[in-house]
Amino acid sequence: MYDFTKPKQKTLPVKLKNGKVIVLLPPNGYVLEAISEMQSADEAEAVKNIYSVFQQLLNQNKSGFKISRNDILSYDVEEIQDFIANEYMDFVLSIQKDPN
């Protein structure tokens, strides 16, 4: 029997600007949907939404630590884009490619 209450999950450790390390969990449908919407939006709308998407994916962490909007406003758009496009999407793709 597969137990959805205790899934084996890959994780992604991330060190925030304040020095705190959080361990991100695989994205849920809401996060994937938000990333997809951001990618298909026009440039002005994507920049507006990127902070919200970044906050959502950071808040999906193992310890349940909550990241506020003010916490993420210290990051610039390029940092966030680089993280999502490279580290985070590599993490997501590694989960999708794993047969287990």
PDB file of N, CA and C in Angstrom:
ATOM      1  N   MET A   1       0.846  -1.179   0.000  1.00  0.00           N
ATOM      2  CA  MET A   1       0.000   0.000   0.000  1.00  0.00           C
ATOM      3  C   MET A   1       0.893   1.243   0.000  1.00  0.00           C
ATOM      4  N   TYR A   2       0.563   2.173  -0.873  1.00  0.00           N
ATOM      5  CA  TYR A   2       1.281   3.446  -0.890  1.00  0.00           C
ATOM      6  C   TYR A   2       0.665   4.358   0.153  1.00  0.00           C
ATOM      7  N   ASP A   3       1.493   4.938   0.983  1.00  0.00           N
ATOM      8  CA  ASP A   3       1.024   5.803   2.061  1.00  0.00           C
ATOM      9  C   ASP A   3       1.324   7.262   1.701  1.00  0.00           C
ATOM     10  N   PHE A   4       0.292   8.007   1.308  1.00  0.00           N
ATOM     11  CA  PHE A   4       0.472   9.414   0.938  1.00  0.00           C
ATOM     12  C   PHE A   4       0.834  10.290   2.131  1.00  0.00           C
ATOM     13  N   THR A   5       0.668   9.784   3.345  1.00  0.00           N
ATOM     14  CA  THR A   5       1.011  10.586   4.522  1.00  0.00           C
ATOM     15  C   THR A   5       2.509  10.565   4.808  1.00  0.00           C
ATOM     16  N   LYS A   6       3.238   9.619   4.195  1.00  0.00           N
ATOM     17  CA  LYS A   6       4.679   9.521   4.431  1.00  0.00           C
ATOM     18  C   LYS A   6       5.431   9.294   3.119  1.00  0.00           C
ATOM     19  N   PRO A   7       5.293  10.222   2.193  1.00  0.00           N
ATOM     20  CA  PRO A   7       5.974  10.012   0.912  1.00  0.00           C
ATOM     21  C   PRO A   7       7.484  10.218   1.026  1.00  0.00           C
ATOM     22  N   LYS A   8       8.223   9.480   0.192  1.00  0.00           N
ATOM     23  CA  LYS A   8       9.659   9.729   0.080  1.00  0.00           C
ATOM     24  C   LYS A   8       9.789  10.958  -0.804  1.00  0.00           C
ATOM     25  N   GLN A   9      10.478  11.955  -0.320  1.00  0.00           N
ATOM     26  CA  GLN A   9      10.570  13.192  -1.079  1.00  0.00           C
ATOM     27  C   GLN A   9      12.012  13.617  -1.267  1.00  0.00           C
ATOM     28  N   LYS A  10      12.303  14.038  -2.485  1.00  0.00           N
ATOM     29  CA  LYS A  10      13.584  14.687  -2.726  1.00  0.00           C
ATOM     30  C   LYS A  10      13.463  16.102  -2.175  1.00  0.00           C
ATOM     31  N   THR A  11      14.582  16.659  -1.799  1.00  0.00           N
ATOM     32  CA  THR A  11      14.570  18.007  -1.237  1.00  0.00           C
ATOM     33  C   THR A  11      15.682  18.844  -1.869  1.00  0.00           C
ATOM     34  N   LEU A  12      15.570  20.148  -1.683  1.00  0.00           N
ATOM     35  CA  LEU A  12      16.564  21.090  -2.201  1.00  0.00           C
ATOM     36  C   LEU A  12      16.923  22.070  -1.091  1.00  0.00           C
ATOM     37  N   PRO A  13      18.127  21.933  -0.497  1.00  0.00           N
ATOM     38  CA  PRO A  13      18.543  22.900   0.518  1.00  0.00           C
ATOM     39  C   PRO A  13      18.867  24.246  -0.131  1.00  0.00           C
ATOM     40  N   VAL A  14      18.425  25.324   0.514  1.00  0.00           N
ATOM     41  CA  VAL A  14      18.630  26.678  -0.003  1.00  0.00           C
ATOM     42  C   VAL A  14      19.062  27.574   1.157  1.00  0.00           C
ATOM     43  N   LYS A  15      20.128  28.338   0.932  1.00  0.00           N
ATOM     44  CA  LYS A  15      20.584  29.298   1.941  1.00  0.00           C
ATOM     45  C   LYS A  15      20.068  30.674   1.548  1.00  0.00           C
ATOM     46  N   LEU A  16      19.271  31.266   2.420  1.00  0.00           N
ATOM     47  CA  LEU A  16      18.686  32.579   2.170  1.00  0.00           C
ATOM     48  C   LEU A  16      19.698  33.683   2.459  1.00  0.00           C
ATOM     49  N   LYS A  17      19.379  34.893   2.048  1.00  0.00           N
ATOM     50  CA  LYS A  17      20.285  36.030   2.262  1.00  0.00           C
ATOM     51  C   LYS A  17      20.566  36.290   3.734  1.00  0.00           C
ATOM     52  N   ASN A  18      19.604  35.961   4.596  1.00  0.00           N
ATOM     53  CA  ASN A  18      19.795  36.190   6.026  1.00  0.00           C
ATOM     54  C   ASN A  18      20.625  35.087   6.686  1.00  0.00           C
ATOM     55  N   GLY A  19      21.090  34.116   5.885  1.00  0.00           N
ATOM     56  CA  GLY A  19      21.919  33.031   6.397  1.00  0.00           C
ATOM     57  C   GLY A  19      21.149  31.788   6.792  1.00  0.00           C
ATOM     58  N   LYS A  20      19.836  31.887   6.895  1.00  0.00           N
ATOM     59  CA  LYS A  20      19.011  30.737   7.270  1.00  0.00           C
ATOM     60  C   LYS A  20      18.973  29.737   6.117  1.00  0.00           C
ATOM     61  N   VAL A  21      19.122  28.462   6.457  1.00  0.00           N
ATOM     62  CA  VAL A  21      19.028  27.398   5.463  1.00  0.00           C
ATOM     63  C   VAL A  21      17.663  26.744   5.598  1.00  0.00           C
ATOM     64  N   ILE A  22      16.940  26.679   4.489  1.00  0.00           N
ATOM     65  CA  ILE A  22      15.665  25.970   4.468  1.00  0.00           C
ATOM     66  C   ILE A  22      15.785  24.832   3.461  1.00  0.00           C
ATOM     67  N   VAL A  23      14.982  23.813   3.659  1.00  0.00           N
ATOM     68  CA  VAL A  23      14.997  22.647   2.781  1.00  0.00           C
ATOM     69  C   VAL A  23      13.675  22.623   2.029  1.00  0.00           C
ATOM     70  N   LEU A  24      13.751  22.903   0.731  1.00  0.00           N
ATOM     71  CA  LEU A  24      12.539  22.961  -0.080  1.00  0.00           C
ATOM     72  C   LEU A  24      12.042  21.564  -0.415  1.00  0.00           C
ATOM     73  N   LEU A  25      10.729  21.442  -0.409  1.00  0.00           N
ATOM     74  CA  LEU A  25      10.065  20.200  -0.786  1.00  0.00           C
ATOM     75  C   LEU A  25       9.694  20.262  -2.260  1.00  0.00           C
ATOM     76  N   PRO A  26       9.360  19.129  -2.854  1.00  0.00           N
ATOM     77  CA  PRO A  26       8.895  19.166  -4.244  1.00  0.00           C
ATOM     78  C   PRO A  26       7.678  20.078  -4.366  1.00  0.00           C
ATOM     79  N   PRO A  27       7.533  20.734  -5.506  1.00  0.00           N
ATOM     80  CA  PRO A  27       6.418  21.669  -5.672  1.00  0.00           C
ATOM     81  C   PRO A  27       5.076  20.958  -5.740  1.00  0.00           C
ATOM     82  N   ASN A  28       4.067  21.606  -5.188  1.00  0.00           N
ATOM     83  CA  ASN A  28       2.714  21.078  -5.346  1.00  0.00           C
ATOM     84  C   ASN A  28       2.113  21.687  -6.612  1.00  0.00           C
ATOM     85  N   GLY A  29       0.891  21.328  -6.899  1.00  0.00           N
ATOM     86  CA  GLY A  29       0.232  21.815  -8.106  1.00  0.00           C
ATOM     87  C   GLY A  29       0.102  23.320  -8.161  1.00  0.00           C
ATOM     88  N   TYR A  30      -0.111  23.950  -7.015  1.00  0.00           N
ATOM     89  CA  TYR A  30      -0.260  25.408  -6.977  1.00  0.00           C
ATOM     90  C   TYR A  30       1.026  26.112  -7.419  1.00  0.00           C
ATOM     91  N   VAL A  31       2.158  25.609  -6.938  1.00  0.00           N
ATOM     92  CA  VAL A  31       3.443  26.213  -7.292  1.00  0.00           C
ATOM     93  C   VAL A  31       3.736  25.997  -8.774  1.00  0.00           C
ATOM     94  N   LEU A  32       3.518  24.781  -9.265  1.00  0.00           N
ATOM     95  CA  LEU A  32       3.763  24.507 -10.685  1.00  0.00           C
ATOM     96  C   LEU A  32       2.859  25.351 -11.578  1.00  0.00           C
ATOM     97  N   GLU A  33       1.617  25.501 -11.158  1.00  0.00           N
ATOM     98  CA  GLU A  33       0.676  26.326 -11.921  1.00  0.00           C
ATOM     99  C   GLU A  33       1.127  27.791 -11.937  1.00  0.00           C
ATOM    100  N   ALA A  34       1.577  28.286 -10.800  1.00  0.00           N
ATOM    101  CA  ALA A  34       2.038  29.677 -10.707  1.00  0.00           C
ATOM    102  C   ALA A  34       3.273  29.905 -11.579  1.00  0.00           C
ATOM    103  N   ILE A  35       4.194  28.940 -11.601  1.00  0.00           N
ATOM    104  CA  ILE A  35       5.383  29.056 -12.449  1.00  0.00           C
ATOM    105  C   ILE A  35       4.975  29.061 -13.917  1.00  0.00           C
ATOM    106  N   SER A  36       4.065  28.182 -14.273  1.00  0.00           N
ATOM    107  CA  SER A  36       3.591  28.108 -15.658  1.00  0.00           C
ATOM    108  C   SER A  36       2.929  29.413 -16.091  1.00  0.00           C
ATOM    109  N   GLU A  37       2.095  29.975 -15.227  1.00  0.00           N
ATOM    110  CA  GLU A  37       1.430  31.246 -15.535  1.00  0.00           C
ATOM    111  C   GLU A  37       2.446  32.377 -15.680  1.00  0.00           C
ATOM    112  N   MET A  38       3.457  32.359 -14.819  1.00  0.00           N
ATOM    113  CA  MET A  38       4.488  33.390 -14.876  1.00  0.00           C
ATOM    114  C   MET A  38       5.260  33.293 -16.193  1.00  0.00           C
ATOM    115  N   GLN A  39       5.572  32.070 -16.616  1.00  0.00           N
ATOM    116  CA  GLN A  39       6.339  31.871 -17.844  1.00  0.00           C
ATOM    117  C   GLN A  39       5.555  32.276 -19.085  1.00  0.00           C
ATOM    118  N   SER A  40       4.234  32.148 -19.030  1.00  0.00           N
ATOM    119  CA  SER A  40       3.431  32.473 -20.210  1.00  0.00           C
ATOM    120  C   SER A  40       2.934  33.927 -20.208  1.00  0.00           C
ATOM    121  N   ALA A  41       3.173  34.649 -19.121  1.00  0.00           N
ATOM    122  CA  ALA A  41       2.723  36.044 -19.027  1.00  0.00           C
ATOM    123  C   ALA A  41       3.639  36.960 -19.833  1.00  0.00           C
ATOM    124  N   ASP A  42       3.112  38.138 -20.161  1.00  0.00           N
ATOM    125  CA  ASP A  42       3.980  39.113 -20.823  1.00  0.00           C
ATOM    126  C   ASP A  42       5.017  39.604 -19.812  1.00  0.00           C
ATOM    127  N   GLU A  43       6.026  40.286 -20.290  1.00  0.00           N
ATOM    128  CA  GLU A  43       7.175  40.642 -19.456  1.00  0.00           C
ATOM    129  C   GLU A  43       6.799  41.449 -18.220  1.00  0.00           C
ATOM    130  N   ALA A  44       5.960  42.446 -18.371  1.00  0.00           N
ATOM    131  CA  ALA A  44       5.578  43.294 -17.236  1.00  0.00           C
ATOM    132  C   ALA A  44       4.830  42.485 -16.181  1.00  0.00           C
ATOM    133  N   GLU A  45       3.938  41.629 -16.623  1.00  0.00           N
ATOM    134  CA  GLU A  45       3.162  40.803 -15.691  1.00  0.00           C
ATOM    135  C   GLU A  45       4.055  39.759 -15.021  1.00  0.00           C
ATOM    136  N   ALA A  46       5.002  39.192 -15.767  1.00  0.00           N
ATOM    137  CA  ALA A  46       5.905  38.183 -15.209  1.00  0.00           C
ATOM    138  C   ALA A  46       6.766  38.771 -14.096  1.00  0.00           C
ATOM    139  N   VAL A  47       7.273  39.975 -14.307  1.00  0.00           N
ATOM    140  CA  VAL A  47       8.089  40.627 -13.275  1.00  0.00           C
ATOM    141  C   VAL A  47       7.244  40.882 -12.033  1.00  0.00           C
ATOM    142  N   LYS A  48       6.011  41.275 -12.245  1.00  0.00           N
ATOM    143  CA  LYS A  48       5.099  41.534 -11.126  1.00  0.00           C
ATOM    144  C   LYS A  48       4.830  40.253 -10.325  1.00  0.00           C
ATOM    145  N   ASN A  49       4.700  39.125 -11.027  1.00  0.00           N
ATOM    146  CA  ASN A  49       4.349  37.859 -10.379  1.00  0.00           C
ATOM    147  C   ASN A  49       5.535  37.088  -9.821  1.00  0.00           C
ATOM    148  N   ILE A  50       6.745  37.418 -10.245  1.00  0.00           N
ATOM    149  CA  ILE A  50       7.888  36.594  -9.873  1.00  0.00           C
ATOM    150  C   ILE A  50       8.113  36.563  -8.361  1.00  0.00           C
ATOM    151  N   TYR A  51       7.850  37.675  -7.688  1.00  0.00           N
ATOM    152  CA  TYR A  51       8.029  37.694  -6.236  1.00  0.00           C
ATOM    153  C   TYR A  51       7.005  36.800  -5.542  1.00  0.00           C
ATOM    154  N   SER A  52       5.804  36.774  -6.045  1.00  0.00           N
ATOM    155  CA  SER A  52       4.768  35.913  -5.478  1.00  0.00           C
ATOM    156  C   SER A  52       5.117  34.436  -5.670  1.00  0.00           C
ATOM    157  N   VAL A  53       5.572  34.092  -6.867  1.00  0.00           N
ATOM    158  CA  VAL A  53       5.966  32.708  -7.158  1.00  0.00           C
ATOM    159  C   VAL A  53       7.148  32.311  -6.277  1.00  0.00           C
ATOM    160  N   PHE A  54       8.131  33.193  -6.164  1.00  0.00           N
ATOM    161  CA  PHE A  54       9.306  32.933  -5.338  1.00  0.00           C
ATOM    162  C   PHE A  54       8.900  32.691  -3.888  1.00  0.00           C
ATOM    163  N   GLN A  55       8.002  33.507  -3.382  1.00  0.00           N
ATOM    164  CA  GLN A  55       7.524  33.341  -2.014  1.00  0.00           C
ATOM    165  C   GLN A  55       6.809  32.001  -1.854  1.00  0.00           C
ATOM    166  N   GLN A  56       5.975  31.634  -2.809  1.00  0.00           N
ATOM    167  CA  GLN A  56       5.253  30.362  -2.738  1.00  0.00           C
ATOM    168  C   GLN A  56       6.208  29.178  -2.688  1.00  0.00           C
ATOM    169  N   LEU A  57       7.198  29.174  -3.559  1.00  0.00           N
ATOM    170  CA  LEU A  57       8.077  28.006  -3.585  1.00  0.00           C
ATOM    171  C   LEU A  57       8.983  27.952  -2.362  1.00  0.00           C
ATOM    172  N   LEU A  58       9.405  29.116  -1.834  1.00  0.00           N
ATOM    173  CA  LEU A  58      10.205  29.106  -0.609  1.00  0.00           C
ATOM    174  C   LEU A  58       9.379  28.669   0.598  1.00  0.00           C
ATOM    175  N   ASN A  59       8.104  29.008   0.606  1.00  0.00           N
ATOM    176  CA  ASN A  59       7.249  28.628   1.729  1.00  0.00           C
ATOM    177  C   ASN A  59       6.921  27.143   1.744  1.00  0.00           C
ATOM    178  N   GLN A  60       7.214  26.458   0.673  1.00  0.00           N
ATOM    179  CA  GLN A  60       6.991  25.017   0.638  1.00  0.00           C
ATOM    180  C   GLN A  60       8.279  24.328   1.090  1.00  0.00           C
ATOM    181  N   ASN A  61       8.554  24.473   2.384  1.00  0.00           N
ATOM    182  CA  ASN A  61       9.791  23.926   2.931  1.00  0.00           C
ATOM    183  C   ASN A  61       9.499  22.931   4.045  1.00  0.00           C
ATOM    184  N   LYS A  62      10.497  22.114   4.328  1.00  0.00           N
ATOM    185  CA  LYS A  62      10.344  20.980   5.246  1.00  0.00           C
ATOM    186  C   LYS A  62       9.987  21.391   6.673  1.00  0.00           C
ATOM    187  N   SER A  63      10.531  22.499   7.145  1.00  0.00           N
ATOM    188  CA  SER A  63      10.299  22.901   8.536  1.00  0.00           C
ATOM    189  C   SER A  63       9.028  23.718   8.721  1.00  0.00           C
ATOM    190  N   GLY A  64       8.383  24.105   7.621  1.00  0.00           N
ATOM    191  CA  GLY A  64       7.176  24.922   7.722  1.00  0.00           C
ATOM    192  C   GLY A  64       7.473  26.385   7.999  1.00  0.00           C
ATOM    193  N   PHE A  65       8.743  26.781   7.876  1.00  0.00           N
ATOM    194  CA  PHE A  65       9.159  28.167   8.092  1.00  0.00           C
ATOM    195  C   PHE A  65       8.495  29.051   7.045  1.00  0.00           C
ATOM    196  N   LYS A  66       7.876  30.133   7.480  1.00  0.00           N
ATOM    197  CA  LYS A  66       7.170  31.021   6.556  1.00  0.00           C
ATOM    198  C   LYS A  66       8.037  32.214   6.166  1.00  0.00           C
ATOM    199  N   ILE A  67       8.081  32.459   4.882  1.00  0.00           N
ATOM    200  CA  ILE A  67       8.819  33.579   4.312  1.00  0.00           C
ATOM    201  C   ILE A  67       7.801  34.668   3.976  1.00  0.00           C
ATOM    202  N   SER A  68       8.007  35.858   4.506  1.00  0.00           N
ATOM    203  CA  SER A  68       7.056  36.944   4.250  1.00  0.00           C
ATOM    204  C   SER A  68       7.400  37.659   2.948  1.00  0.00           C
ATOM    205  N   ARG A  69       6.459  38.428   2.466  1.00  0.00           N
ATOM    206  CA  ARG A  69       6.686  39.231   1.251  1.00  0.00           C
ATOM    207  C   ARG A  69       7.862  40.189   1.475  1.00  0.00           C
ATOM    208  N   ASN A  70       7.944  40.769   2.663  1.00  0.00           N
ATOM    209  CA  ASN A  70       9.055  41.677   2.969  1.00  0.00           C
ATOM    210  C   ASN A  70      10.400  40.962   2.920  1.00  0.00           C
ATOM    211  N   ASP A  71      10.428  39.687   3.340  1.00  0.00           N
ATOM    212  CA  ASP A  71      11.675  38.916   3.304  1.00  0.00           C
ATOM    213  C   ASP A  71      12.205  38.781   1.882  1.00  0.00           C
ATOM    214  N   ILE A  72      11.315  38.559   0.933  1.00  0.00           N
ATOM    215  CA  ILE A  72      11.767  38.307  -0.436  1.00  0.00           C
ATOM    216  C   ILE A  72      12.030  39.574  -1.235  1.00  0.00           C
ATOM    217  N   LEU A  73      11.556  40.711  -0.757  1.00  0.00           N
ATOM    218  CA  LEU A  73      11.765  41.956  -1.502  1.00  0.00           C
ATOM    219  C   LEU A  73      13.227  42.401  -1.513  1.00  0.00           C
ATOM    220  N   SER A  74      14.065  41.789  -0.676  1.00  0.00           N
ATOM    221  CA  SER A  74      15.495  42.114  -0.691  1.00  0.00           C
ATOM    222  C   SER A  74      16.229  41.417  -1.841  1.00  0.00           C
ATOM    223  N   TYR A  75      15.561  40.500  -2.517  1.00  0.00           N
ATOM    224  CA  TYR A  75      16.155  39.805  -3.661  1.00  0.00           C
ATOM    225  C   TYR A  75      15.827  40.580  -4.935  1.00  0.00           C
ATOM    226  N   ASP A  76      16.798  40.664  -5.842  1.00  0.00           N
ATOM    227  CA  ASP A  76      16.474  41.341  -7.096  1.00  0.00           C
ATOM    228  C   ASP A  76      15.930  40.327  -8.104  1.00  0.00           C
ATOM    229  N   VAL A  77      15.286  40.842  -9.119  1.00  0.00           N
ATOM    230  CA  VAL A  77      14.601  40.008 -10.104  1.00  0.00           C
ATOM    231  C   VAL A  77      15.565  39.033 -10.775  1.00  0.00           C
ATOM    232  N   GLU A  78      16.771  39.483 -11.086  1.00  0.00           N
ATOM    233  CA  GLU A  78      17.745  38.602 -11.740  1.00  0.00           C
ATOM    234  C   GLU A  78      18.111  37.417 -10.867  1.00  0.00           C
ATOM    235  N   GLU A  79      18.287  37.649  -9.563  1.00  0.00           N
ATOM    236  CA  GLU A  79      18.604  36.549  -8.648  1.00  0.00           C
ATOM    237  C   GLU A  79      17.482  35.519  -8.645  1.00  0.00           C
ATOM    238  N   ILE A  80      16.266  36.015  -8.571  1.00  0.00           N
ATOM    239  CA  ILE A  80      15.108  35.125  -8.516  1.00  0.00           C
ATOM    240  C   ILE A  80      14.970  34.354  -9.824  1.00  0.00           C
ATOM    241  N   GLN A  81      15.090  35.048 -10.949  1.00  0.00           N
ATOM    242  CA  GLN A  81      14.992  34.380 -12.252  1.00  0.00           C
ATOM    243  C   GLN A  81      16.056  33.306 -12.389  1.00  0.00           C
ATOM    244  N   ASP A  82      17.277  33.621 -11.993  1.00  0.00           N
ATOM    245  CA  ASP A  82      18.373  32.656 -12.076  1.00  0.00           C
ATOM    246  C   ASP A  82      18.082  31.428 -11.214  1.00  0.00           C
ATOM    247  N   PHE A  83      17.621  31.655 -10.000  1.00  0.00           N
ATOM    248  CA  PHE A  83      17.317  30.537  -9.105  1.00  0.00           C
ATOM    249  C   PHE A  83      16.211  29.657  -9.676  1.00  0.00           C
ATOM    250  N   ILE A  84      15.110  30.273 -10.102  1.00  0.00           N
ATOM    251  CA  ILE A  84      13.977  29.491 -10.608  1.00  0.00           C
ATOM    252  C   ILE A  84      14.364  28.763 -11.895  1.00  0.00           C
ATOM    253  N   ALA A  85      14.985  29.469 -12.832  1.00  0.00           N
ATOM    254  CA  ALA A  85      15.306  28.878 -14.136  1.00  0.00           C
ATOM    255  C   ALA A  85      16.362  27.784 -14.044  1.00  0.00           C
ATOM    256  N   ASN A  86      17.257  27.896 -13.105  1.00  0.00           N
ATOM    257  CA  ASN A  86      18.356  26.931 -13.031  1.00  0.00           C
ATOM    258  C   ASN A  86      18.185  25.947 -11.880  1.00  0.00           C
ATOM    259  N   GLU A  87      18.472  26.367 -10.688  1.00  0.00           N
ATOM    260  CA  GLU A  87      18.436  25.455  -9.538  1.00  0.00           C
ATOM    261  C   GLU A  87      17.074  24.793  -9.341  1.00  0.00           C
ATOM    262  N   TYR A  88      16.034  25.614  -9.281  1.00  0.00           N
ATOM    263  CA  TYR A  88      14.720  25.071  -8.935  1.00  0.00           C
ATOM    264  C   TYR A  88      14.166  24.178 -10.040  1.00  0.00           C
ATOM    265  N   MET A  89      14.277  24.607 -11.289  1.00  0.00           N
ATOM    266  CA  MET A  89      13.751  23.788 -12.380  1.00  0.00           C
ATOM    267  C   MET A  89      14.576  22.517 -12.561  1.00  0.00           C
ATOM    268  N   ASP A  90      15.884  22.564 -12.303  1.00  0.00           N
ATOM    269  CA  ASP A  90      16.693  21.339 -12.313  1.00  0.00           C
ATOM    270  C   ASP A  90      16.198  20.376 -11.245  1.00  0.00           C
ATOM    271  N   PHE A  91      15.871  20.908 -10.081  1.00  0.00           N
ATOM    272  CA  PHE A  91      15.308  20.112  -8.983  1.00  0.00           C
ATOM    273  C   PHE A  91      13.994  19.464  -9.413  1.00  0.00           C
ATOM    274  N   VAL A  92      13.106  20.245 -10.007  1.00  0.00           N
ATOM    275  CA  VAL A  92      11.806  19.734 -10.458  1.00  0.00           C
ATOM    276  C   VAL A  92      11.998  18.660 -11.528  1.00  0.00           C
ATOM    277  N   LEU A  93      12.870  18.910 -12.489  1.00  0.00           N
ATOM    278  CA  LEU A  93      13.112  17.935 -13.560  1.00  0.00           C
ATOM    279  C   LEU A  93      13.728  16.650 -13.032  1.00  0.00           C
ATOM    280  N   SER A  94      14.586  16.747 -12.021  1.00  0.00           N
ATOM    281  CA  SER A  94      15.186  15.537 -11.442  1.00  0.00           C
ATOM    282  C   SER A  94      14.125  14.675 -10.770  1.00  0.00           C
ATOM    283  N   ILE A  95      13.117  15.305 -10.215  1.00  0.00           N
ATOM    284  CA  ILE A  95      12.013  14.565  -9.593  1.00  0.00           C
ATOM    285  C   ILE A  95      11.194  13.867 -10.669  1.00  0.00           C
ATOM    286  N   GLN A  96      10.912  14.584 -11.748  1.00  0.00           N
ATOM    287  CA  GLN A  96      10.107  14.013 -12.826  1.00  0.00           C
ATOM    288  C   GLN A  96      10.821  12.859 -13.517  1.00  0.00           C
ATOM    289  N   LYS A  97      12.145  12.914 -13.612  1.00  0.00           N
ATOM    290  CA  LYS A  97      12.912  11.865 -14.284  1.00  0.00           C
ATOM    291  C   LYS A  97      13.124  10.637 -13.415  1.00  0.00           C
ATOM    292  N   ASP A  98      12.984  10.788 -12.106  1.00  0.00           N
ATOM    293  CA  ASP A  98      13.215   9.682 -11.182  1.00  0.00           C
ATOM    294  C   ASP A  98      12.043   8.708 -11.235  1.00  0.00           C
ATOM    295  N   PRO A  99      12.278   7.446 -11.596  1.00  0.00           N
ATOM    296  CA  PRO A  99      11.178   6.483 -11.689  1.00  0.00           C
ATOM    297  C   PRO A  99      10.577   6.108 -10.338  1.00  0.00           C
ATOM    298  N   ASN A 100      11.279   6.409  -9.256  1.00  0.00           N
ATOM    299  CA  ASN A 100      10.756   6.078  -7.932  1.00  0.00           C
ATOM    300  C   ASN A 100      10.147   7.298  -7.348  1.00  0.00           C
TER     301      ASN A 100
END
